[in-house]
């Protein structure tokens, strides 16, 4: 006979398994298959069969300029080779995933980084049919892109509400890891609202332990109702492989970006119009305030949403739409993920009293300038006119692989805050300094650190 303690342990484990399986069965997506011995086994196959045809494999190709040996000045002088050498062009390819969200119009959601700088995009359907795709719009800060294909034989995945996703929910990830083709992994939602993962700063990731590997980017994170709740975007790994920590852009954010691209042809990101500084215990003591976390307003742009709402310098923002704000990064995320024209409730502290006010967000302009118009050493970089809301500096929107800017260490998502020890906030300031200096020392903010890059 089994002893009493072992019997209770087995009963407890069986109770847990039965409870999980009961949930899956009642959700309508668990089936039982029969083996040769007539034993019934649980399966997610019915759910996968419905969702998998909506996930596509993406192949991206682009031409890049490889550095030439003739680019070395001493080499040219020695052999008498004229200036203005040319590099050689070669094709590079990469793989990713995408999700069909509108079968009638052929719309596919994927990651911005999957299709950035692509010269040609091809998608492979679940039935192995291959189609050409074009980028309708793309947004680097949220890492979302919208593609379109011309065909009448697509299957779409319904978009679920990521706002009701909870930690512990069962999910499956479908994508194209390592270019292997359609692959399904399962897990749970491990955490919500993750930030500080990418360099661009506009983040509100769903974390999952469903296996996500290179090539899964742009694929689907699906709930047990067979609905899209996230676009798989990033992993944390020292080796490049799965370690059980993956991140997906919530479907609400992806859908908002898609709507803006379709309605306006661009992403119209909300702008509060403030410069801010994080409040911590040390700075709170210096200011003599009881608020030990939040975002201190250090400047307000004339005519901005903040000015119209009555916010003032020295106010400490502690909340946006019932979301607690502990630092400047959280404020930048909260505002940057909203659309222009949206009304938000700002909770702040003024003279020791908690107050709130509604602000109608303005629109962040999206002017872009190529680095070749600024300095030869910045060729291959594209700069935005404004940094993300809540920061000051010049944002690097993209950097072409192998370009002079890339060779000098500049990366997409970098924020240039000073040039030759002069603070800069606008492209005009960068241009003016570059016009009178052959050598530029860029003070760059990258994620949570700063570094100096020399540009010649």
Protein backbone atom coordinates (compact mmCIF):
# COMPACT_ATOMS: atom_id res chain seq x y z
CA UNK A 1 0.00 0.00 0.00
CA UNK A 2 1.05 3.58 -0.63
CA UNK A 3 1.80 5.56 2.49
CA UNK A 4 -0.62 8.37 3.29
CA UNK A 5 1.75 11.28 2.51
CA UNK A 6 2.65 9.91 -0.96
CA UNK A 7 -1.00 9.24 -1.74
CA UNK A 8 -1.97 12.82 -0.87
CA UNK A 9 0.89 14.16 -3.00
CA UNK A 10 -0.28 12.16 -6.01
CA UNK A 11 -3.85 13.23 -5.50
CA UNK A 12 -2.73 16.87 -5.29
CA UNK A 13 -0.74 16.68 -8.53
CA UNK A 14 -3.59 14.93 -10.29
CA UNK A 15 -6.00 17.60 -9.06
CA UNK A 16 -3.79 20.34 -10.57
CA UNK A 17 -3.55 18.56 -13.92
CA UNK A 18 -7.29 17.89 -14.01
CA UNK A 19 -7.99 21.54 -13.19
CA UNK A 20 -5.77 22.80 -16.05
CA UNK A 21 -7.23 20.34 -18.53
CA UNK A 22 -10.76 21.22 -17.44
CA UNK A 23 -10.06 24.86 -18.24
CA UNK A 24 -8.72 24.00 -21.68
CA UNK A 25 -11.64 21.71 -22.43
CA UNK A 26 -14.26 24.24 -21.36
CA UNK A 27 -12.54 26.96 -23.42
CA UNK A 28 -13.40 24.94 -26.51
CA UNK A 29 -9.83 24.54 -27.77
CA UNK A 30 -8.76 21.27 -26.19
CA UNK A 31 -9.46 18.01 -27.99
CA UNK A 32 -8.86 14.37 -27.10
CA UNK A 33 -7.24 12.01 -29.56
CA UNK A 34 -7.31 8.21 -29.42
CA UNK A 35 -4.16 6.12 -29.47
CA UNK A 36 -3.99 2.47 -30.34
CA UNK A 37 -4.76 1.59 -26.74
CA UNK A 38 -7.87 3.84 -26.82
CA UNK A 39 -6.28 6.15 -24.23
CA UNK A 40 -7.53 9.72 -24.51
CA UNK A 41 -4.85 12.44 -24.68
CA UNK A 42 -5.21 16.23 -24.42
CA UNK A 43 -4.21 18.26 -27.49
CA UNK A 44 -3.97 21.88 -28.62
CA UNK A 45 -4.16 20.72 -32.24
CA UNK A 46 -7.64 22.19 -32.92
CA UNK A 47 -6.44 25.64 -31.78
CA UNK A 48 -3.22 25.39 -33.80
CA UNK A 49 -5.08 24.27 -36.92
CA UNK A 50 -7.20 27.43 -36.81
CA UNK A 51 -4.39 29.86 -35.96
CA UNK A 52 -1.37 28.57 -37.90
CA UNK A 53 -2.66 29.41 -41.43
CA UNK A 54 -2.77 33.10 -40.44
CA UNK A 55 0.95 33.18 -39.61
CA UNK A 56 3.37 33.70 -42.50
CA UNK A 57 7.10 33.32 -42.97
CA UNK A 58 8.86 36.44 -44.21
CA UNK A 59 12.00 36.57 -46.34
CA UNK A 60 13.68 39.96 -46.65
CA UNK A 61 16.48 40.86 -49.03
CA UNK A 62 18.42 44.10 -49.39
CA UNK A 63 21.50 45.38 -51.17
CA UNK A 64 24.24 46.75 -48.92
CA UNK A 65 27.48 48.45 -49.74
CA UNK A 66 30.44 46.46 -48.51
CA UNK A 67 33.53 48.51 -47.62
CA UNK A 68 36.21 48.51 -50.31
CA UNK A 69 39.97 48.29 -49.75
CA UNK A 70 40.19 51.41 -51.88
CA UNK A 71 38.50 53.30 -49.05
CA UNK A 72 41.79 53.47 -47.12
CA UNK A 73 43.43 56.85 -47.74
CA UNK A 74 47.04 55.56 -47.43
CA UNK A 75 46.24 52.73 -49.86
CA UNK A 76 44.89 55.23 -52.44
CA UNK A 77 47.89 57.53 -52.11
CA UNK A 78 50.40 54.68 -52.45
CA UNK A 79 48.84 53.33 -55.64
CA UNK A 80 47.72 56.70 -57.01
CA UNK A 81 44.02 55.77 -56.97
CA UNK A 82 41.64 58.73 -57.39
CA UNK A 83 39.45 59.87 -54.49
CA UNK A 84 35.72 59.01 -54.11
CA UNK A 85 36.22 55.23 -54.11
CA UNK A 86 33.26 52.95 -54.42
CA UNK A 87 32.39 49.95 -52.35
CA UNK A 88 30.90 46.79 -53.72
CA UNK A 89 27.23 45.93 -53.42
CA UNK A 90 26.01 42.55 -52.21
CA UNK A 91 22.66 41.04 -51.32
CA UNK A 92 21.90 40.04 -47.75
CA UNK A 93 18.83 38.13 -46.65
CA UNK A 94 17.06 37.63 -43.34
CA UNK A 95 13.97 35.82 -42.09
CA UNK A 96 11.08 36.69 -39.84
CA UNK A 97 7.38 36.12 -39.30
CA UNK A 98 4.10 37.96 -39.78
CA UNK A 99 0.41 37.66 -38.93
CA UNK A 100 -2.48 38.08 -41.37
CA UNK A 101 -5.05 40.30 -39.65
CA UNK A 102 -7.22 41.26 -42.64
CA UNK A 103 -7.65 38.55 -45.28
CA UNK A 104 -9.88 40.61 -47.56
CA UNK A 105 -7.40 43.47 -47.92
CA UNK A 106 -4.25 41.40 -47.52
CA UNK A 107 -2.89 43.19 -44.43
CA UNK A 108 -0.12 41.58 -42.41
CA UNK A 109 1.36 42.78 -39.11
CA UNK A 110 5.03 42.19 -38.36
CA UNK A 111 7.96 43.89 -36.64
CA UNK A 112 9.58 47.05 -37.95
CA UNK A 113 13.04 45.55 -37.50
CA UNK A 114 12.11 42.58 -39.68
CA UNK A 115 11.43 44.70 -42.78
CA UNK A 116 13.49 47.85 -42.11
CA UNK A 117 15.53 48.91 -45.20
CA UNK A 118 14.19 45.96 -47.22
CA UNK A 119 14.51 46.06 -51.00
CA UNK A 120 12.31 43.01 -51.52
CA UNK A 121 9.89 41.18 -49.23
CA UNK A 122 8.40 37.76 -49.87
CA UNK A 123 6.00 35.89 -47.64
CA UNK A 124 5.30 32.17 -47.54
CA UNK A 125 1.83 31.03 -46.55
CA UNK A 126 1.00 27.93 -44.53
CA UNK A 127 0.26 26.11 -47.82
CA UNK A 128 3.78 27.09 -49.03
CA UNK A 129 2.44 29.60 -51.56
CA UNK A 130 4.91 32.49 -52.00
CA UNK A 131 3.77 36.09 -52.51
CA UNK A 132 5.45 39.47 -52.88
CA UNK A 133 4.64 42.00 -50.15
CA UNK A 134 5.03 45.75 -49.78
CA UNK A 135 5.39 47.91 -46.69
CA UNK A 136 2.34 50.14 -46.17
CA UNK A 137 3.78 51.80 -43.09
CA UNK A 138 6.25 51.17 -40.30
CA UNK A 139 6.92 52.53 -36.81
CA UNK A 140 10.35 52.04 -35.26
CA UNK A 141 9.53 53.16 -31.67
CA UNK A 142 6.87 50.46 -31.22
CA UNK A 143 8.60 48.01 -33.63
CA UNK A 144 5.41 47.48 -35.66
CA UNK A 145 5.08 47.39 -39.46
CA UNK A 146 2.11 46.83 -41.76
CA UNK A 147 2.51 44.85 -44.99
CA UNK A 148 0.11 44.20 -47.87
CA UNK A 149 -0.15 41.33 -50.34
CA UNK A 150 -2.45 40.85 -53.33
CA UNK A 151 -4.34 37.54 -53.08
CA UNK A 152 -7.76 36.16 -52.32
CA UNK A 153 -6.74 32.98 -50.48
CA UNK A 154 -5.70 34.28 -47.07
CA UNK A 155 -6.80 33.27 -43.57
CA UNK A 156 -6.85 35.99 -40.91
CA UNK A 157 -6.35 35.68 -37.18
CA UNK A 158 -8.92 37.56 -35.07
CA UNK A 159 -7.41 40.28 -32.88
CA UNK A 160 -8.04 39.84 -29.18
CA UNK A 161 -8.04 42.36 -26.35
CA UNK A 162 -4.57 42.47 -24.79
CA UNK A 163 -5.93 44.73 -22.04
CA UNK A 164 -7.59 41.74 -20.36
CA UNK A 165 -4.56 39.45 -20.57
CA UNK A 166 -3.37 38.33 -17.13
CA UNK A 167 -0.20 36.85 -15.75
CA UNK A 168 -0.63 33.09 -15.80
CA UNK A 169 -2.79 32.97 -18.95
CA UNK A 170 -1.89 30.12 -21.31
CA UNK A 171 -0.54 31.27 -24.71
CA UNK A 172 1.08 29.79 -27.80
CA UNK A 173 3.69 31.40 -30.05
CA UNK A 174 3.69 30.68 -33.77
CA UNK A 175 6.48 31.76 -36.09
CA UNK A 176 9.50 30.97 -38.22
CA UNK A 177 12.41 30.36 -35.80
CA UNK A 178 15.82 30.09 -37.45
CA UNK A 179 14.05 30.00 -40.82
CA UNK A 180 12.70 26.50 -40.12
CA UNK A 181 9.14 27.33 -41.13
CA UNK A 182 5.91 27.21 -39.14
CA UNK A 183 6.70 26.26 -35.55
CA UNK A 184 4.41 26.27 -32.50
CA UNK A 185 5.54 26.63 -28.88
CA UNK A 186 3.45 27.02 -25.74
CA UNK A 187 3.74 28.65 -22.33
CA UNK A 188 2.13 31.24 -20.10
CA UNK A 189 2.14 34.99 -19.74
CA UNK A 190 5.01 35.59 -17.29
CA UNK A 191 4.64 39.36 -16.74
CA UNK A 192 2.93 42.46 -18.13
CA UNK A 193 4.03 46.03 -18.79
CA UNK A 194 7.70 45.25 -19.28
CA UNK A 195 9.89 48.23 -20.28
CA UNK A 196 13.59 48.92 -20.78
CA UNK A 197 13.98 46.09 -23.29
CA UNK A 198 14.65 47.92 -26.57
CA UNK A 199 16.54 51.13 -27.31
CA UNK A 200 13.61 53.13 -28.64
CA UNK A 201 11.82 53.46 -25.30
CA UNK A 202 8.14 53.14 -26.32
CA UNK A 203 7.40 49.81 -24.67
CA UNK A 204 4.67 47.96 -22.82
CA UNK A 205 5.66 44.36 -23.53
CA UNK A 206 3.89 41.13 -22.64
CA UNK A 207 6.51 38.72 -21.26
CA UNK A 208 6.10 35.00 -21.96
CA UNK A 209 8.03 31.79 -21.43
CA UNK A 210 6.70 30.32 -24.69
CA UNK A 211 9.88 29.60 -26.67
CA UNK A 212 10.78 32.53 -28.93
CA UNK A 213 13.94 32.43 -31.05
CA UNK A 214 15.49 34.47 -33.90
CA UNK A 215 13.04 34.31 -36.80
CA UNK A 216 10.01 34.36 -34.48
CA UNK A 217 10.04 38.16 -34.68
CA UNK A 218 6.73 39.41 -36.05
CA UNK A 219 4.94 36.16 -35.29
CA UNK A 220 1.78 35.62 -33.28
CA UNK A 221 1.22 35.29 -29.56
CA UNK A 222 -2.19 33.61 -29.33
CA UNK A 223 -4.54 33.09 -26.38
CA UNK A 224 -6.62 29.98 -25.76
CA UNK A 225 -9.57 31.51 -27.65
CA UNK A 226 -7.47 31.53 -30.81
CA UNK A 227 -7.06 35.34 -30.76
CA UNK A 228 -3.98 37.44 -31.43
CA UNK A 229 -2.89 39.13 -28.20
CA UNK A 230 0.67 40.07 -29.15
CA UNK A 231 3.28 40.39 -31.89
CA UNK A 232 6.44 38.56 -30.82
CA UNK A 233 9.26 41.08 -30.87
CA UNK A 234 12.29 40.45 -28.66
CA UNK A 235 14.13 37.98 -26.47
CA UNK A 236 16.66 38.20 -23.65
CA UNK A 237 19.49 35.77 -24.26
CA UNK A 238 23.26 35.64 -23.95
CA UNK A 239 23.50 33.07 -26.72
CA UNK A 240 20.80 34.27 -29.13
CA UNK A 241 18.58 31.29 -28.34
CA UNK A 242 15.55 30.88 -26.12
CA UNK A 243 15.99 31.05 -22.35
CA UNK A 244 12.32 31.32 -21.47
CA UNK A 245 12.12 35.12 -21.52
CA UNK A 246 10.43 36.54 -24.62
CA UNK A 247 8.49 39.72 -25.28
CA UNK A 248 5.52 40.61 -27.45
CA UNK A 249 3.99 43.95 -28.42
CA UNK A 250 0.41 43.94 -27.08
CA UNK A 251 -2.29 43.64 -29.75
CA UNK A 252 -3.89 46.92 -28.63
CA UNK A 253 -0.71 48.82 -29.48
CA UNK A 254 -0.19 46.95 -32.77
CA UNK A 255 -3.81 47.57 -33.78
CA UNK A 256 -3.55 51.28 -32.91
CA UNK A 257 -0.43 51.65 -35.07
CA UNK A 258 -2.16 49.81 -37.93
CA UNK A 259 -5.22 52.07 -37.73
CA UNK A 260 -3.10 55.22 -37.80
CA UNK A 261 -1.12 53.99 -40.80
CA UNK A 262 -4.32 53.15 -42.69
CA UNK A 263 -6.16 56.35 -41.68
CA UNK A 264 -3.35 58.89 -42.01
CA UNK A 265 -0.57 57.16 -43.92
CA UNK A 266 1.67 57.69 -40.88
CA UNK A 267 1.81 57.28 -37.12
CA UNK A 268 0.58 60.41 -35.36
CA UNK A 269 2.13 60.01 -31.94
CA UNK A 270 0.87 62.04 -29.02
CA UNK A 271 2.96 64.91 -27.64
CA UNK A 272 2.60 66.48 -24.21
CA UNK A 273 5.27 69.09 -24.82
CA UNK A 274 7.37 68.90 -21.65
CA UNK A 275 10.98 68.25 -20.72
CA UNK A 276 11.30 66.20 -17.57
CA UNK A 277 13.67 64.76 -15.01
CA UNK A 278 13.22 61.70 -12.82
CA UNK A 279 12.47 62.33 -9.16
CA UNK A 280 14.17 59.97 -6.69
CA UNK A 281 14.61 60.04 -2.93
CA UNK A 282 17.77 62.14 -3.12
CA UNK A 283 16.33 64.82 -5.42
CA UNK A 284 13.08 64.82 -3.43
CA UNK A 285 15.05 65.64 -0.28
CA UNK A 286 16.81 68.53 -2.04
CA UNK A 287 13.49 69.90 -3.31
CA UNK A 288 11.83 69.42 0.07
CA UNK A 289 8.97 67.34 -1.31
CA UNK A 290 7.39 64.18 0.07
CA UNK A 291 7.10 62.73 -3.46
CA UNK A 292 9.97 60.25 -3.92
CA UNK A 293 9.14 59.06 -7.43
CA UNK A 294 7.70 60.68 -10.52
CA UNK A 295 8.67 62.98 -13.41
CA UNK A 296 9.59 66.58 -12.58
CA UNK A 297 8.61 69.09 -15.30
CA UNK A 298 11.69 71.21 -16.06
CA UNK A 299 10.38 72.89 -19.19
CA UNK A 300 7.14 73.43 -21.13
CA UNK A 301 6.94 74.17 -24.85
CA UNK A 302 4.85 77.22 -25.79
CA UNK A 303 1.44 76.30 -27.22
CA UNK A 304 1.83 72.66 -26.19
CA UNK A 305 -0.78 70.36 -24.69
CA UNK A 306 0.90 70.77 -21.31
CA UNK A 307 0.65 74.56 -21.42
CA UNK A 308 -2.97 74.45 -22.58
CA UNK A 309 -3.81 72.08 -19.71
CA UNK A 310 -2.28 74.45 -17.15
CA UNK A 311 0.74 72.34 -16.18
CA UNK A 312 3.71 74.31 -14.85
CA UNK A 313 7.44 73.94 -14.40
CA UNK A 314 8.16 72.29 -11.01
CA UNK A 315 5.01 70.14 -11.16
CA UNK A 316 5.73 66.46 -10.52
CA UNK A 317 3.76 64.06 -12.74
CA UNK A 318 2.88 60.88 -10.84
CA UNK A 319 0.18 59.32 -13.05
CA UNK A 320 -1.31 59.15 -16.55
CA UNK A 321 -4.78 57.62 -16.97
CA UNK A 322 -4.55 55.74 -13.66
CA UNK A 323 -1.10 54.41 -14.61
CA UNK A 324 1.50 55.17 -11.94
CA UNK A 325 4.51 57.15 -13.17
CA UNK A 326 7.77 56.60 -11.28
CA UNK A 327 10.30 58.13 -13.68
CA UNK A 328 10.80 60.00 -16.96
CA UNK A 329 10.98 56.79 -19.01
CA UNK A 330 7.55 55.65 -17.81
CA UNK A 331 6.09 59.05 -18.71
CA UNK A 332 7.68 58.92 -22.18
CA UNK A 333 6.14 55.45 -22.69
CA UNK A 334 2.70 56.46 -21.40
CA UNK A 335 2.49 59.53 -23.67
CA UNK A 336 4.34 58.13 -26.67
CA UNK A 337 2.01 55.14 -26.95
CA UNK A 338 -1.00 57.47 -27.21
CA UNK A 339 -2.19 59.01 -30.47
CA UNK A 340 -2.34 62.73 -31.20
CA UNK A 341 -5.69 64.26 -30.26
CA UNK A 342 -6.28 61.73 -27.47
CA UNK A 343 -7.31 63.10 -24.09
CA UNK A 344 -5.30 61.87 -21.11
CA UNK A 345 -5.74 62.48 -17.40
CA UNK A 346 -2.52 63.78 -15.86
CA UNK A 347 -2.08 63.37 -12.11
CA UNK A 348 0.55 65.63 -10.60
CA UNK A 349 1.80 67.18 -7.37
CA UNK A 350 2.01 70.96 -6.98
CA UNK A 351 3.02 72.61 -3.72
CA UNK A 352 2.56 69.32 -1.89
CA UNK A 353 -1.01 68.77 -3.13
CA UNK A 354 -2.12 66.05 -5.54
CA UNK A 355 -4.10 67.44 -8.49
CA UNK A 356 -5.30 66.15 -11.85
CA UNK A 357 -6.06 67.74 -15.19
CA UNK A 358 -7.14 66.53 -18.65
CA UNK A 359 -4.77 67.25 -21.54
CA UNK A 360 -5.47 66.82 -25.25
CA UNK A 361 -2.22 65.60 -26.76
CA UNK A 362 -0.63 67.40 -29.64
CA UNK A 363 1.16 65.75 -32.53
CA UNK A 364 4.81 64.92 -32.67
CA UNK A 365 6.22 65.96 -36.03
CA UNK A 366 8.00 63.31 -38.06
CA UNK A 367 10.46 65.23 -40.21
CA UNK A 368 13.44 63.14 -41.31
CA UNK A 369 16.86 64.16 -42.56
CA UNK A 370 19.54 61.95 -44.07
CA UNK A 371 22.92 62.10 -42.38
CA UNK A 372 24.64 62.94 -45.68
CA UNK A 373 23.00 66.38 -45.43
CA UNK A 374 24.71 66.95 -42.08
CA UNK A 375 28.24 65.45 -42.22
CA UNK A 376 29.98 62.86 -44.46
CA UNK A 377 30.75 60.74 -41.41
CA UNK A 378 27.01 60.48 -40.68
CA UNK A 379 26.11 59.04 -44.10
CA UNK A 380 23.69 56.14 -43.79
CA UNK A 381 21.93 57.51 -40.71
CA UNK A 382 18.44 59.01 -40.73
CA UNK A 383 17.54 61.55 -38.03
CA UNK A 384 14.14 62.56 -36.68
CA UNK A 385 13.29 66.18 -36.00
CA UNK A 386 12.23 65.43 -32.43
CA UNK A 387 13.25 62.93 -29.78
CA UNK A 388 10.56 60.78 -28.14
CA UNK A 389 8.19 62.66 -25.86
CA UNK A 390 9.72 63.49 -22.50
CA UNK A 391 13.35 63.55 -23.67
CA UNK A 392 15.56 66.17 -25.27
CA UNK A 393 17.93 65.50 -28.13
CA UNK A 394 18.03 64.22 -31.71
CA UNK A 395 16.77 60.70 -32.38
CA UNK A 396 18.56 58.37 -34.78
CA UNK A 397 15.69 56.62 -36.56
CA UNK A 398 17.74 54.19 -38.63
CA UNK A 399 21.32 53.35 -39.59
CA UNK A 400 22.19 51.53 -42.80
CA UNK A 401 24.31 48.43 -42.25
CA UNK A 402 27.95 48.97 -43.27
CA UNK A 403 27.50 52.75 -43.72
CA UNK A 404 29.98 55.35 -42.39
CA UNK A 405 27.56 56.13 -39.53
CA UNK A 406 27.36 52.44 -38.60
CA UNK A 407 31.13 52.04 -38.77
CA UNK A 408 31.52 54.90 -36.31
CA UNK A 409 29.22 53.18 -33.80
CA UNK A 410 25.90 54.98 -34.30
CA UNK A 411 22.79 52.84 -33.81
CA UNK A 412 19.06 53.19 -34.45
CA UNK A 413 17.36 54.47 -31.31
CA UNK A 414 20.34 56.53 -30.12
CA UNK A 415 19.56 60.01 -28.82
CA UNK A 416 22.22 62.66 -29.54
CA UNK A 417 22.11 65.08 -26.60
CA UNK A 418 25.26 67.14 -27.24
CA UNK A 419 27.76 67.80 -30.04
CA UNK A 420 31.26 69.08 -29.24
CA UNK A 421 30.00 69.71 -25.69
CA UNK A 422 27.13 71.88 -26.92
CA UNK A 423 23.61 70.65 -26.02
CA UNK A 424 21.39 70.01 -29.06
CA UNK A 425 17.64 69.51 -29.34
CA UNK A 426 16.98 70.22 -33.01
CA UNK A 427 18.53 69.14 -36.28
CA UNK A 428 19.28 72.76 -37.15
CA UNK A 429 21.64 72.95 -34.17
CA UNK A 430 23.46 69.79 -35.27
CA UNK A 431 23.78 71.16 -38.80
CA UNK A 432 25.19 74.48 -37.59
CA UNK A 433 27.88 72.79 -35.49
CA UNK A 434 28.75 70.32 -38.26
CA UNK A 435 29.05 73.13 -40.83
CA UNK A 436 32.02 74.65 -38.99
CA UNK A 437 33.71 71.48 -37.68
CA UNK A 438 35.29 68.59 -39.53
CA UNK A 439 35.41 66.50 -36.36
CA UNK A 440 32.28 65.92 -34.26
CA UNK A 441 32.15 64.44 -30.78
CA UNK A 442 28.61 63.16 -30.23
CA UNK A 443 27.34 62.61 -26.69
CA UNK A 444 24.82 59.82 -27.20
CA UNK A 445 22.23 58.40 -24.82
CA UNK A 446 21.69 54.70 -25.48
CA UNK A 447 19.15 52.97 -23.24
CA UNK A 448 20.28 53.82 -19.69
CA UNK A 449 23.86 54.84 -20.45
CA UNK A 450 25.81 57.57 -22.24
CA UNK A 451 28.78 57.31 -24.57
CA UNK A 452 30.93 59.56 -26.75
CA UNK A 453 31.35 58.88 -30.48
CA UNK A 454 33.91 60.58 -32.68
CA UNK A 455 32.77 61.43 -36.22
CA UNK A 456 35.32 62.45 -38.88
